[in-house]
Amino acid sequence: MRLARCILGIAMLAACGGGGTDEPAWVVVAEAQPSALLSVWSASATDVWVVGGDPRDGTGPIVEHYDGTAWTKLDSGQRNVDLWWVTGFANGPVFMSGSNGTILRYQNGAFEKLTTPGNLIVFGMWGAAPNDVWAVGGNFGGGGFAWRFDGNAWTVFPGVPADVTSQGTCFKVNGRSTDNVWISGTNGLTLHWNGTLLERTDVPVEASLLSVAGNAVRFVTVGGAFDGVLYENEGSGWHSALPSGGPRLTGVAVSDDQYVTVGEVGAVLRRGSTSWASDKHVTDQNLHAAWIDPATGGGMWAVGGHFDTPPMRDGVLIHRGDPIPASFP
């Protein structure tokens, strides 16, 4: 029943609009990977990083890098660790995070495992600079936390509400500057750091907000329980921007001029000037996260697979934009 409702929701959204025939189409870059692909980030179209789960075959978590010509698989040195997020900076470093409180920093061709304040899952990261990076996570409904990195050490960031630290999870963090940072989490939770206070501004839904991203105009948060929810905030509070009845949404990416959100059964929606509409989907795998290359009109990426229940498997990577000449080795 849930799958049927998701497919119906996608069809309804597609009827509202979407990409025209002259626009780039989404294509599958990689599929049937040994573990789910969980996050993608790029400094440019020729510097793309993809991370994912550990297939438990002795090779460690999936880490792939694209240089504009070919993909290269890297060994992080970790075993029995799933990497849930990747973020970074154009001139380095690149940060990766995941289970067991793991945070890795990659620079000058080498991985470094950083000491962290805890051992729960680090679901999301974002940084204004290499010496100002946030990390958030929890344990699927408990132990919600926020950490901050000053370039030398990770410390617990104070002010996360007690009900979140005891029973909730912080899923993602994203910002536009050091004093404009948003965190999303369970039960409609959003937290806003304004440079002085960590303010709570919950969305009126009884569902997890699984991702958040924004630009100078608006922030977007998405999630859901059975049906997807999508809220926008232009500075005066959150308001719903999506009809009910569609699939659960799990990832959102925003650049200066583009917006994309992804979710269950391959759902992909993009925002036009006033509303969101579905793109023709190219995979039936659940999509977990998305990214937009930083250039104006940059290419879009999305990753996913079977990630909701162990074991993770069937990783997929899709792309919209200029053709990608190579798939994973």
C-alpha atoms as a PDB file:
ATOM      1  CA  MET A   1       0.000   0.000   0.000  1.00  0.00           C
ATOM      2  CA  ARG A   2       2.797   2.400   0.875  1.00  0.00           C
ATOM      3  CA  LEU A   3       4.600   1.775  -2.417  1.00  0.00           C
ATOM      4  CA  ALA A   4       1.376   2.365  -4.329  1.00  0.00           C
ATOM      5  CA  ARG A   5       0.778   5.616  -2.448  1.00  0.00           C
ATOM      6  CA  CYS A   6       4.333   6.761  -3.207  1.00  0.00           C
ATOM      7  CA  ILE A   7       3.985   6.010  -6.914  1.00  0.00           C
ATOM      8  CA  LEU A   8       0.614   7.789  -7.005  1.00  0.00           C
ATOM      9  CA  GLY A   9       2.158  10.804  -5.298  1.00  0.00           C
ATOM     10  CA  ILE A  10       4.973  10.945  -7.849  1.00  0.00           C
ATOM     11  CA  ALA A  11       2.468  10.800 -10.690  1.00  0.00           C
ATOM     12  CA  MET A  12       0.405  13.615  -9.168  1.00  0.00           C
ATOM     13  CA  LEU A  13       3.468  15.803  -8.761  1.00  0.00           C
ATOM     14  CA  ALA A  14       4.610  15.068 -12.301  1.00  0.00           C
ATOM     15  CA  ALA A  15       1.257  16.272 -13.555  1.00  0.00           C
ATOM     16  CA  CYS A  16       1.998  19.632 -11.927  1.00  0.00           C
ATOM     17  CA  GLY A  17       5.022  20.277 -14.115  1.00  0.00           C
ATOM     18  CA  GLY A  18       8.681  19.303 -14.170  1.00  0.00           C
ATOM     19  CA  GLY A  19      11.590  19.458 -16.533  1.00  0.00           C
ATOM     20  CA  GLY A  20      10.873  20.142 -20.182  1.00  0.00           C
ATOM     21  CA  THR A  21      12.043  17.928 -23.017  1.00  0.00           C
ATOM     22  CA  ASP A  22      14.905  20.309 -23.865  1.00  0.00           C
ATOM     23  CA  GLU A  23      16.371  20.089 -20.374  1.00  0.00           C
ATOM     24  CA  PRO A  24      19.018  17.585 -19.283  1.00  0.00           C
ATOM     25  CA  ALA A  25      17.678  14.215 -18.152  1.00  0.00           C
ATOM     26  CA  TRP A  26      18.648  12.229 -15.089  1.00  0.00           C
ATOM     27  CA  VAL A  27      20.862   9.237 -15.913  1.00  0.00           C
ATOM     28  CA  VAL A  28      22.164   6.355 -13.828  1.00  0.00           C
ATOM     29  CA  VAL A  29      25.916   6.623 -13.281  1.00  0.00           C
ATOM     30  CA  ALA A  30      26.299   3.577 -11.015  1.00  0.00           C
ATOM     31  CA  GLU A  31      23.927   0.968  -9.638  1.00  0.00           C
ATOM     32  CA  ALA A  32      23.881  -2.392  -7.846  1.00  0.00           C
ATOM     33  CA  GLN A  33      26.794  -1.311  -5.659  1.00  0.00           C
ATOM     34  CA  PRO A  34      27.711  -3.655  -2.787  1.00  0.00           C
ATOM     35  CA  SER A  35      26.363  -1.189  -0.200  1.00  0.00           C
ATOM     36  CA  ALA A  36      24.040   1.800  -0.241  1.00  0.00           C
ATOM     37  CA  LEU A  37      25.481   5.138  -1.337  1.00  0.00           C
ATOM     38  CA  LEU A  38      24.576   7.701   1.310  1.00  0.00           C
ATOM     39  CA  SER A  39      26.073  11.092   0.462  1.00  0.00           C
ATOM     40  CA  VAL A  40      27.585  13.047  -2.429  1.00  0.00           C
ATOM     41  CA  TRP A  41      29.459  16.355  -2.400  1.00  0.00           C
ATOM     42  CA  SER A  42      31.466  18.274  -4.972  1.00  0.00           C
ATOM     43  CA  ALA A  43      33.744  21.286  -5.023  1.00  0.00           C
ATOM     44  CA  SER A  44      33.250  21.357  -8.800  1.00  0.00           C
ATOM     45  CA  ALA A  45      32.116  19.093 -11.625  1.00  0.00           C
ATOM     46  CA  THR A  46      35.647  17.640 -11.677  1.00  0.00           C
ATOM     47  CA  ASP A  47      35.995  17.092  -7.928  1.00  0.00           C
ATOM     48  CA  VAL A  48      33.126  14.877  -6.779  1.00  0.00           C
ATOM     49  CA  TRP A  49      33.022  12.640  -3.693  1.00  0.00           C
ATOM     50  CA  VAL A  50      30.594   9.796  -2.962  1.00  0.00           C
ATOM     51  CA  VAL A  51      30.498   7.822   0.305  1.00  0.00           C
ATOM     52  CA  GLY A  52      28.383   4.958   1.555  1.00  0.00           C
ATOM     53  CA  GLY A  53      28.018   1.891   3.669  1.00  0.00           C
ATOM     54  CA  ASP A  54      30.546  -0.807   4.463  1.00  0.00           C
ATOM     55  CA  PRO A  55      29.597  -4.059   2.696  1.00  0.00           C
ATOM     56  CA  ARG A  56      31.405  -6.006   5.456  1.00  0.00           C
ATOM     57  CA  ASP A  57      33.587  -7.820   2.944  1.00  0.00           C
ATOM     58  CA  GLY A  58      36.883  -6.487   4.270  1.00  0.00           C
ATOM     59  CA  THR A  59      37.094  -3.505   1.911  1.00  0.00           C
ATOM     60  CA  GLY A  60      35.654  -0.872   4.247  1.00  0.00           C
ATOM     61  CA  PRO A  61      33.066   1.815   3.529  1.00  0.00           C
ATOM     62  CA  ILE A  62      32.560   3.001  -0.027  1.00  0.00           C
ATOM     63  CA  VAL A  63      34.581   6.124  -0.872  1.00  0.00           C
ATOM     64  CA  GLU A  64      34.704   7.148  -4.542  1.00  0.00           C
ATOM     65  CA  HIS A  65      36.250  10.246  -6.119  1.00  0.00           C
ATOM     66  CA  TYR A  66      35.598  11.623  -9.619  1.00  0.00           C
ATOM     67  CA  ASP A  67      38.121  13.942 -11.298  1.00  0.00           C
ATOM     68  CA  GLY A  68      36.125  14.678 -14.440  1.00  0.00           C
ATOM     69  CA  THR A  69      37.552  11.699 -16.300  1.00  0.00           C
ATOM     70  CA  ALA A  70      37.444   8.626 -14.076  1.00  0.00           C
ATOM     71  CA  TRP A  71      36.261   7.371 -10.694  1.00  0.00           C
ATOM     72  CA  THR A  72      38.817   6.185  -8.148  1.00  0.00           C
ATOM     73  CA  LYS A  73      37.987   4.026  -5.130  1.00  0.00           C
ATOM     74  CA  LEU A  74      39.842   5.071  -1.990  1.00  0.00           C
ATOM     75  CA  ASP A  75      40.552   3.042   1.131  1.00  0.00           C
ATOM     76  CA  SER A  76      39.690   5.107   4.200  1.00  0.00           C
ATOM     77  CA  GLY A  77      41.424   2.654   6.506  1.00  0.00           C
ATOM     78  CA  GLN A  78      38.166   2.058   8.395  1.00  0.00           C
ATOM     79  CA  ARG A  79      36.342  -1.243   8.748  1.00  0.00           C
ATOM     80  CA  ASN A  80      32.787  -1.983   9.933  1.00  0.00           C
ATOM     81  CA  VAL A  81      31.954   1.717   9.641  1.00  0.00           C
ATOM     82  CA  ASP A  82      29.193   3.149   7.446  1.00  0.00           C
ATOM     83  CA  LEU A  83      29.890   6.646   6.136  1.00  0.00           C
ATOM     84  CA  TRP A  84      26.679   8.679   6.167  1.00  0.00           C
ATOM     85  CA  TRP A  85      27.960  12.069   5.016  1.00  0.00           C
ATOM     86  CA  VAL A  86      30.652  13.901   3.102  1.00  0.00           C
ATOM     87  CA  THR A  87      31.344  17.634   2.899  1.00  0.00           C
ATOM     88  CA  GLY A  88      34.365  19.754   2.250  1.00  0.00           C
ATOM     89  CA  PHE A  89      36.050  22.783   0.775  1.00  0.00           C
ATOM     90  CA  ALA A  90      37.328  23.588  -2.692  1.00  0.00           C
ATOM     91  CA  ASN A  91      40.991  23.567  -1.671  1.00  0.00           C
ATOM     92  CA  GLY A  92      40.527  20.859   0.961  1.00  0.00           C
ATOM     93  CA  PRO A  93      40.076  19.287   3.341  1.00  0.00           C
ATOM     94  CA  VAL A  94      37.167  16.878   2.809  1.00  0.00           C
ATOM     95  CA  PHE A  95      35.303  15.569   5.883  1.00  0.00           C
ATOM     96  CA  MET A  96      33.445  12.249   6.074  1.00  0.00           C
ATOM     97  CA  SER A  97      31.316  11.027   8.972  1.00  0.00           C
ATOM     98  CA  GLY A  98      29.382   7.964  10.025  1.00  0.00           C
ATOM     99  CA  SER A  99      28.794   5.254  12.585  1.00  0.00           C
ATOM    100  CA  ASN A 100      30.658   4.836  15.878  1.00  0.00           C
ATOM    101  CA  GLY A 101      31.206   8.583  16.133  1.00  0.00           C
ATOM    102  CA  THR A 102      33.549   8.413  13.160  1.00  0.00           C
ATOM    103  CA  ILE A 103      34.774  11.605  11.497  1.00  0.00           C
ATOM    104  CA  LEU A 104      37.551  11.456   8.910  1.00  0.00           C
ATOM    105  CA  ARG A 105      39.493  14.345   7.427  1.00  0.00           C
ATOM    106  CA  TYR A 106      41.044  13.804   3.996  1.00  0.00           C
ATOM    107  CA  GLN A 107      43.780  16.167   2.859  1.00  0.00           C
ATOM    108  CA  ASN A 108      47.084  15.939   1.015  1.00  0.00           C
ATOM    109  CA  GLY A 109      46.135  12.467  -0.193  1.00  0.00           C
ATOM    110  CA  ALA A 110      45.699  10.927   3.274  1.00  0.00           C
ATOM    111  CA  PHE A 111      42.864  10.083   5.687  1.00  0.00           C
ATOM    112  CA  GLU A 112      43.012  11.122   9.333  1.00  0.00           C
ATOM    113  CA  LYS A 113      40.563   9.823  11.921  1.00  0.00           C
ATOM    114  CA  LEU A 114      39.677  12.672  14.274  1.00  0.00           C
ATOM    115  CA  THR A 115      38.907  12.282  17.964  1.00  0.00           C
ATOM    116  CA  THR A 116      35.218  12.979  18.652  1.00  0.00           C
ATOM    117  CA  PRO A 117      33.157  13.505  21.839  1.00  0.00           C
ATOM    118  CA  GLY A 118      30.938  10.430  21.366  1.00  0.00           C
ATOM    119  CA  ASN A 119      30.297   7.161  19.560  1.00  0.00           C
ATOM    120  CA  LEU A 120      26.820   7.560  18.079  1.00  0.00           C
ATOM    121  CA  ILE A 121      26.116   7.958  14.353  1.00  0.00           C
ATOM    122  CA  VAL A 122      27.234  11.227  12.793  1.00  0.00           C
ATOM    123  CA  PHE A 123      24.472  11.657  10.194  1.00  0.00           C
ATOM    124  CA  GLY A 124      25.368  15.088   8.825  1.00  0.00           C
ATOM    125  CA  MET A 125      28.038  17.767   8.608  1.00  0.00           C
ATOM    126  CA  TRP A 126      28.472  21.273   7.222  1.00  0.00           C
ATOM    127  CA  GLY A 127      31.168  23.878   7.569  1.00  0.00           C
ATOM    128  CA  ALA A 128      31.627  27.593   6.964  1.00  0.00           C
ATOM    129  CA  ALA A 129      35.395  27.021   6.879  1.00  0.00           C
ATOM    130  CA  PRO A 130      37.868  24.190   7.588  1.00  0.00           C
ATOM    131  CA  ASN A 131      38.163  25.497  11.144  1.00  0.00           C
ATOM    132  CA  ASP A 132      34.409  25.953  11.658  1.00  0.00           C
ATOM    133  CA  VAL A 133      32.584  22.679  10.967  1.00  0.00           C
ATOM    134  CA  TRP A 134      29.375  21.313  12.480  1.00  0.00           C
ATOM    135  CA  ALA A 135      28.452  17.643  12.965  1.00  0.00           C
ATOM    136  CA  VAL A 136      25.086  16.271  14.106  1.00  0.00           C
ATOM    137  CA  GLY A 137      23.616  12.854  14.789  1.00  0.00           C
ATOM    138  CA  GLY A 138      22.219  10.423  17.291  1.00  0.00           C
ATOM    139  CA  ASN A 139      21.057   6.840  17.267  1.00  0.00           C
ATOM    140  CA  PHE A 140      17.750   6.544  15.353  1.00  0.00           C
ATOM    141  CA  GLY A 141      15.641   8.131  18.074  1.00  0.00           C
ATOM    142  CA  GLY A 142      18.001   8.854  20.941  1.00  0.00           C
ATOM    143  CA  GLY A 143      21.112  10.742  21.916  1.00  0.00           C
ATOM    144  CA  GLY A 144      20.657  13.663  19.549  1.00  0.00           C
ATOM    145  CA  PHE A 145      23.746  15.868  19.504  1.00  0.00           C
ATOM    146  CA  ALA A 146      25.575  18.733  17.813  1.00  0.00           C
ATOM    147  CA  TRP A 147      29.363  19.058  17.758  1.00  0.00           C
ATOM    148  CA  ARG A 148      31.574  21.861  16.465  1.00  0.00           C
ATOM    149  CA  PHE A 149      35.147  21.744  15.151  1.00  0.00           C
ATOM    150  CA  ASP A 150      37.610  24.629  15.449  1.00  0.00           C
ATOM    151  CA  GLY A 151      40.298  23.107  13.264  1.00  0.00           C
ATOM    152  CA  ASN A 152      41.941  21.321  16.176  1.00  0.00           C
ATOM    153  CA  ALA A 153      39.254  19.589  18.247  1.00  0.00           C
ATOM    154  CA  TRP A 154      35.590  18.564  18.194  1.00  0.00           C
ATOM    155  CA  THR A 155      33.530  19.683  21.185  1.00  0.00           C
ATOM    156  CA  VAL A 156      29.910  19.225  22.213  1.00  0.00           C
ATOM    157  CA  PHE A 157      27.857  22.277  21.247  1.00  0.00           C
ATOM    158  CA  PRO A 158      25.598  23.373  24.122  1.00  0.00           C
ATOM    159  CA  GLY A 159      21.925  24.143  23.795  1.00  0.00           C
ATOM    160  CA  VAL A 160      20.484  21.062  22.091  1.00  0.00           C
ATOM    161  CA  PRO A 161      17.129  20.569  23.893  1.00  0.00           C
ATOM    162  CA  ALA A 162      17.005  17.882  26.577  1.00  0.00           C
ATOM    163  CA  ASP A 163      14.182  15.969  24.882  1.00  0.00           C
ATOM    164  CA  VAL A 164      16.352  15.687  21.766  1.00  0.00           C
ATOM    165  CA  THR A 165      19.460  14.520  23.603  1.00  0.00           C
ATOM    166  CA  SER A 166      17.413  11.915  25.485  1.00  0.00           C
ATOM    167  CA  GLN A 167      14.925  10.708  22.880  1.00  0.00           C
ATOM    168  CA  GLY A 168      15.589  12.433  19.565  1.00  0.00           C
ATOM    169  CA  THR A 169      18.092  12.593  16.736  1.00  0.00           C
ATOM    170  CA  CYS A 170      19.636  15.470  14.823  1.00  0.00           C
ATOM    171  CA  PHE A 171      19.798  14.356  11.190  1.00  0.00           C
ATOM    172  CA  LYS A 172      21.353  17.128   9.128  1.00  0.00           C
ATOM    173  CA  VAL A 173      22.986  20.524   9.417  1.00  0.00           C
ATOM    174  CA  ASN A 174      23.467  23.212   6.769  1.00  0.00           C
ATOM    175  CA  GLY A 175      24.183  26.920   6.697  1.00  0.00           C
ATOM    176  CA  ARG A 176      24.992  30.009   4.680  1.00  0.00           C
ATOM    177  CA  SER A 177      27.517  31.572   7.053  1.00  0.00           C
ATOM    178  CA  THR A 178      29.073  31.068  10.445  1.00  0.00           C
ATOM    179  CA  ASP A 179      26.087  32.830  12.070  1.00  0.00           C
ATOM    180  CA  ASN A 180      23.265  31.319   9.989  1.00  0.00           C
ATOM    181  CA  VAL A 181      23.119  27.549  10.538  1.00  0.00           C
ATOM    182  CA  TRP A 182      20.102  25.204  10.607  1.00  0.00           C
ATOM    183  CA  ILE A 183      19.767  21.701  12.107  1.00  0.00           C
ATOM    184  CA  SER A 184      16.891  19.308  11.356  1.00  0.00           C
ATOM    185  CA  GLY A 185      15.771  16.313  13.396  1.00  0.00           C
ATOM    186  CA  THR A 186      13.023  14.126  14.784  1.00  0.00           C
ATOM    187  CA  ASN A 187       9.427  15.222  15.466  1.00  0.00           C
ATOM    188  CA  GLY A 188       9.588  18.352  13.345  1.00  0.00           C
ATOM    189  CA  LEU A 189      12.702  19.658  15.077  1.00  0.00           C
ATOM    190  CA  THR A 190      14.652  22.557  13.609  1.00  0.00           C
ATOM    191  CA  LEU A 191      17.338  24.498  15.456  1.00  0.00           C
ATOM    192  CA  HIS A 192      18.791  27.782  14.211  1.00  0.00           C
ATOM    193  CA  TRP A 193      22.182  29.149  15.227  1.00  0.00           C
ATOM    194  CA  ASN A 194      22.285  32.925  14.726  1.00  0.00           C
ATOM    195  CA  GLY A 195      25.809  33.402  16.006  1.00  0.00           C
ATOM    196  CA  THR A 196      24.620  33.977  19.564  1.00  0.00           C
ATOM    197  CA  LEU A 197      21.736  31.617  20.326  1.00  0.00           C
ATOM    198  CA  LEU A 198      20.671  28.127  19.264  1.00  0.00           C
ATOM    199  CA  GLU A 199      16.962  28.795  18.773  1.00  0.00           C
ATOM    200  CA  ARG A 200      14.293  26.090  18.478  1.00  0.00           C
ATOM    201  CA  THR A 201      11.735  26.637  15.701  1.00  0.00           C
ATOM    202  CA  ASP A 202       9.840  23.385  15.227  1.00  0.00           C
ATOM    203  CA  VAL A 203       7.788  22.551  12.148  1.00  0.00           C
ATOM    204  CA  PRO A 204       4.199  21.490  13.028  1.00  0.00           C
ATOM    205  CA  VAL A 205       4.502  17.863  11.880  1.00  0.00           C
ATOM    206  CA  GLU A 206       4.788  14.591  13.762  1.00  0.00           C
ATOM    207  CA  ALA A 207       7.529  13.353  11.482  1.00  0.00           C
ATOM    208  CA  SER A 208      11.287  13.444  11.172  1.00  0.00           C
ATOM    209  CA  LEU A 209      12.901  16.191   9.128  1.00  0.00           C
ATOM    210  CA  LEU A 210      15.674  14.221   7.476  1.00  0.00           C
ATOM    211  CA  SER A 211      17.502  16.985   5.647  1.00  0.00           C
ATOM    212  CA  VAL A 212      17.908  20.752   5.468  1.00  0.00           C
ATOM    213  CA  ALA A 213      19.676  23.106   3.047  1.00  0.00           C
ATOM    214  CA  GLY A 214      19.461  26.718   1.995  1.00  0.00           C
ATOM    215  CA  ASN A 215      20.772  29.767   0.183  1.00  0.00           C
ATOM    216  CA  ALA A 216      20.527  33.532   0.620  1.00  0.00           C
ATOM    217  CA  VAL A 217      16.807  33.460  -0.304  1.00  0.00           C
ATOM    218  CA  ARG A 218      15.357  30.489   1.597  1.00  0.00           C
ATOM    219  CA  PHE A 219      16.048  27.329   3.562  1.00  0.00           C
ATOM    220  CA  VAL A 220      14.250  24.057   2.796  1.00  0.00           C
ATOM    221  CA  THR A 221      13.695  21.103   5.112  1.00  0.00           C
ATOM    222  CA  VAL A 222      12.209  17.748   4.057  1.00  0.00           C
ATOM    223  CA  GLY A 223      11.199  14.453   5.618  1.00  0.00           C
ATOM    224  CA  GLY A 224       8.057  12.585   6.494  1.00  0.00           C
ATOM    225  CA  ALA A 225       6.700   9.451   8.073  1.00  0.00           C
ATOM    226  CA  PHE A 226       4.408   7.801   5.522  1.00  0.00           C
ATOM    227  CA  ASP A 227       3.972  10.813   3.239  1.00  0.00           C
ATOM    228  CA  GLY A 228       6.593  13.377   2.341  1.00  0.00           C
ATOM    229  CA  VAL A 229       6.759  16.841   3.868  1.00  0.00           C
ATOM    230  CA  LEU A 230       8.615  19.871   2.531  1.00  0.00           C
ATOM    231  CA  TYR A 231       8.820  23.232   4.285  1.00  0.00           C
ATOM    232  CA  GLU A 232      10.413  26.486   3.196  1.00  0.00           C
ATOM    233  CA  ASN A 233      11.608  29.433   5.258  1.00  0.00           C
ATOM    234  CA  GLU A 234      12.388  32.829   3.724  1.00  0.00           C
ATOM    235  CA  GLY A 235      13.167  34.357   7.095  1.00  0.00           C
ATOM    236  CA  SER A 236       9.693  34.646   8.603  1.00  0.00           C
ATOM    237  CA  GLY A 237       9.063  31.052   9.646  1.00  0.00           C
ATOM    238  CA  TRP A 238       8.444  27.644   8.088  1.00  0.00           C
ATOM    239  CA  HIS A 239       5.524  27.074   5.702  1.00  0.00           C
ATOM    240  CA  SER A 240       4.494  23.963   3.794  1.00  0.00           C
ATOM    241  CA  ALA A 241       5.352  24.035   0.089  1.00  0.00           C
ATOM    242  CA  LEU A 242       4.285  20.539  -1.001  1.00  0.00           C
ATOM    243  CA  PRO A 243       0.916  18.844  -1.537  1.00  0.00           C
ATOM    244  CA  SER A 244       0.312  15.860   0.745  1.00  0.00           C
ATOM    245  CA  GLY A 245       0.269  12.300  -0.476  1.00  0.00           C
ATOM    246  CA  GLY A 246       3.685  11.979  -2.124  1.00  0.00           C
ATOM    247  CA  PRO A 247       6.630   9.813  -1.126  1.00  0.00           C
ATOM    248  CA  ARG A 248       8.735  10.413   1.959  1.00  0.00           C
ATOM    249  CA  LEU A 249      11.558  12.812   1.151  1.00  0.00           C
ATOM    250  CA  THR A 250      15.005  12.120   2.586  1.00  0.00           C
ATOM    251  CA  GLY A 251      17.443  14.579   1.020  1.00  0.00           C
ATOM    252  CA  VAL A 252      17.544  18.161  -0.215  1.00  0.00           C
ATOM    253  CA  ALA A 253      20.234  20.230  -1.895  1.00  0.00           C
ATOM    254  CA  VAL A 254      20.241  23.944  -2.627  1.00  0.00           C
ATOM    255  CA  SER A 255      22.669  26.087  -4.618  1.00  0.00           C
ATOM    256  CA  ASP A 256      22.532  29.802  -5.341  1.00  0.00           C
ATOM    257  CA  ASP A 257      20.124  29.224  -8.234  1.00  0.00           C
ATOM    258  CA  GLN A 258      18.737  25.660  -8.009  1.00  0.00           C
ATOM    259  CA  TYR A 259      16.818  23.395  -5.623  1.00  0.00           C
ATOM    260  CA  VAL A 260      16.368  19.615  -5.655  1.00  0.00           C
ATOM    261  CA  THR A 261      14.898  17.104  -3.213  1.00  0.00           C
ATOM    262  CA  VAL A 262      14.920  13.294  -3.403  1.00  0.00           C
ATOM    263  CA  GLY A 263      13.163  10.432  -1.660  1.00  0.00           C
ATOM    264  CA  GLU A 264      11.588   7.015  -1.765  1.00  0.00           C
ATOM    265  CA  VAL A 265      11.210   4.911  -4.938  1.00  0.00           C
ATOM    266  CA  GLY A 266      13.487   7.233  -6.904  1.00  0.00           C
ATOM    267  CA  ALA A 267      11.484  10.408  -6.326  1.00  0.00           C
ATOM    268  CA  VAL A 268      13.195  13.592  -7.545  1.00  0.00           C
ATOM    269  CA  LEU A 269      11.588  17.042  -7.337  1.00  0.00           C
ATOM    270  CA  ARG A 270      13.015  20.378  -8.455  1.00  0.00           C
ATOM    271  CA  ARG A 271      11.836  23.852  -7.574  1.00  0.00           C
ATOM    272  CA  GLY A 272      10.939  26.358 -10.244  1.00  0.00           C
ATOM    273  CA  SER A 273      10.317  30.036  -9.637  1.00  0.00           C
ATOM    274  CA  THR A 274       7.253  29.402  -7.477  1.00  0.00           C
ATOM    275  CA  SER A 275       6.678  25.685  -6.858  1.00  0.00           C
ATOM    276  CA  TRP A 276       8.105  22.174  -6.804  1.00  0.00           C
ATOM    277  CA  ALA A 277       7.483  19.575  -9.504  1.00  0.00           C
ATOM    278  CA  SER A 278       8.594  16.007 -10.116  1.00  0.00           C
ATOM    279  CA  ASP A 279      11.239  14.960 -12.618  1.00  0.00           C
ATOM    280  CA  LYS A 280      10.951  11.712 -14.526  1.00  0.00           C
ATOM    281  CA  HIS A 281      12.619   9.178 -12.261  1.00  0.00           C
ATOM    282  CA  VAL A 282      15.272   6.775 -13.522  1.00  0.00           C
ATOM    283  CA  THR A 283      15.544   4.374 -10.583  1.00  0.00           C
ATOM    284  CA  ASP A 284      13.173   2.611  -8.234  1.00  0.00           C
ATOM    285  CA  GLN A 285      15.760   2.589  -5.456  1.00  0.00           C
ATOM    286  CA  ASN A 286      15.176   4.875  -2.494  1.00  0.00           C
ATOM    287  CA  LEU A 287      17.320   8.004  -2.760  1.00  0.00           C
ATOM    288  CA  HIS A 288      18.996   9.278   0.390  1.00  0.00           C
ATOM    289  CA  ALA A 289      20.800  12.527  -0.451  1.00  0.00           C
ATOM    290  CA  ALA A 290      21.464  15.038  -3.214  1.00  0.00           C
ATOM    291  CA  TRP A 291      24.009  17.667  -4.181  1.00  0.00           C
ATOM    292  CA  ILE A 292      24.303  20.460  -6.762  1.00  0.00           C
ATOM    293  CA  ASP A 293      27.658  21.423  -8.291  1.00  0.00           C
ATOM    294  CA  PRO A 294      28.427  24.961  -7.102  1.00  0.00           C
ATOM    295  CA  ALA A 295      28.661  26.632 -10.535  1.00  0.00           C
ATOM    296  CA  THR A 296      25.619  28.532 -11.787  1.00  0.00           C
ATOM    297  CA  GLY A 297      23.299  25.972 -13.354  1.00  0.00           C
ATOM    298  CA  GLY A 298      25.553  23.220 -12.026  1.00  0.00           C
ATOM    299  CA  GLY A 299      24.916  19.507 -12.432  1.00  0.00           C
ATOM    300  CA  MET A 300      22.816  17.628  -9.887  1.00  0.00           C
ATOM    301  CA  TRP A 301      23.686  14.383  -8.131  1.00  0.00           C
ATOM    302  CA  ALA A 302      21.663  11.952  -6.011  1.00  0.00           C
ATOM    303  CA  VAL A 303      22.603   8.760  -4.173  1.00  0.00           C
ATOM    304  CA  GLY A 304      20.715   5.960  -2.493  1.00  0.00           C
ATOM    305  CA  GLY A 305      19.999   2.268  -2.352  1.00  0.00           C
ATOM    306  CA  HIS A 306      18.696  -0.016   0.368  1.00  0.00           C
ATOM    307  CA  PHE A 307      19.662   1.917   3.513  1.00  0.00           C
ATOM    308  CA  ASP A 308      16.668   1.839   5.872  1.00  0.00           C
ATOM    309  CA  THR A 309      17.340  -1.618   7.303  1.00  0.00           C
ATOM    310  CA  PRO A 310      20.525  -3.721   7.482  1.00  0.00           C
ATOM    311  CA  PRO A 311      22.294  -4.953   5.573  1.00  0.00           C
ATOM    312  CA  MET A 312      22.776  -1.939   3.319  1.00  0.00           C
ATOM    313  CA  ARG A 313      23.013  -2.867  -0.357  1.00  0.00           C
ATOM    314  CA  ASP A 314      22.175  -1.949  -3.970  1.00  0.00           C
ATOM    315  CA  GLY A 315      23.841   1.467  -4.019  1.00  0.00           C
ATOM    316  CA  VAL A 316      22.854   3.823  -6.830  1.00  0.00           C
ATOM    317  CA  LEU A 317      24.203   7.136  -8.130  1.00  0.00           C
ATOM    318  CA  ILE A 318      22.282   9.307 -10.605  1.00  0.00           C
ATOM    319  CA  HIS A 319      23.210  12.585 -12.283  1.00  0.00           C
ATOM    320  CA  ARG A 320      21.559  15.405 -14.205  1.00  0.00           C
ATOM    321  CA  GLY A 321      23.655  17.713 -16.371  1.00  0.00           C
ATOM    322  CA  ASP A 322      26.566  17.339 -18.756  1.00  0.00           C
ATOM    323  CA  PRO A 323      27.230  13.658 -19.564  1.00  0.00           C
ATOM    324  CA  ILE A 324      29.489  11.751 -17.160  1.00  0.00           C
ATOM    325  CA  PRO A 325      31.948   9.729 -19.262  1.00  0.00           C
ATOM    326  CA  ALA A 326      32.672   7.064 -16.669  1.00  0.00           C
ATOM    327  CA  SER A 327      30.954   4.858 -14.102  1.00  0.00           C
ATOM    328  CA  PHE A 328      32.457   3.314 -10.996  1.00  0.00           C
ATOM    329  CA  PRO A 329      35.266   0.810 -11.690  1.00  0.00           C
END
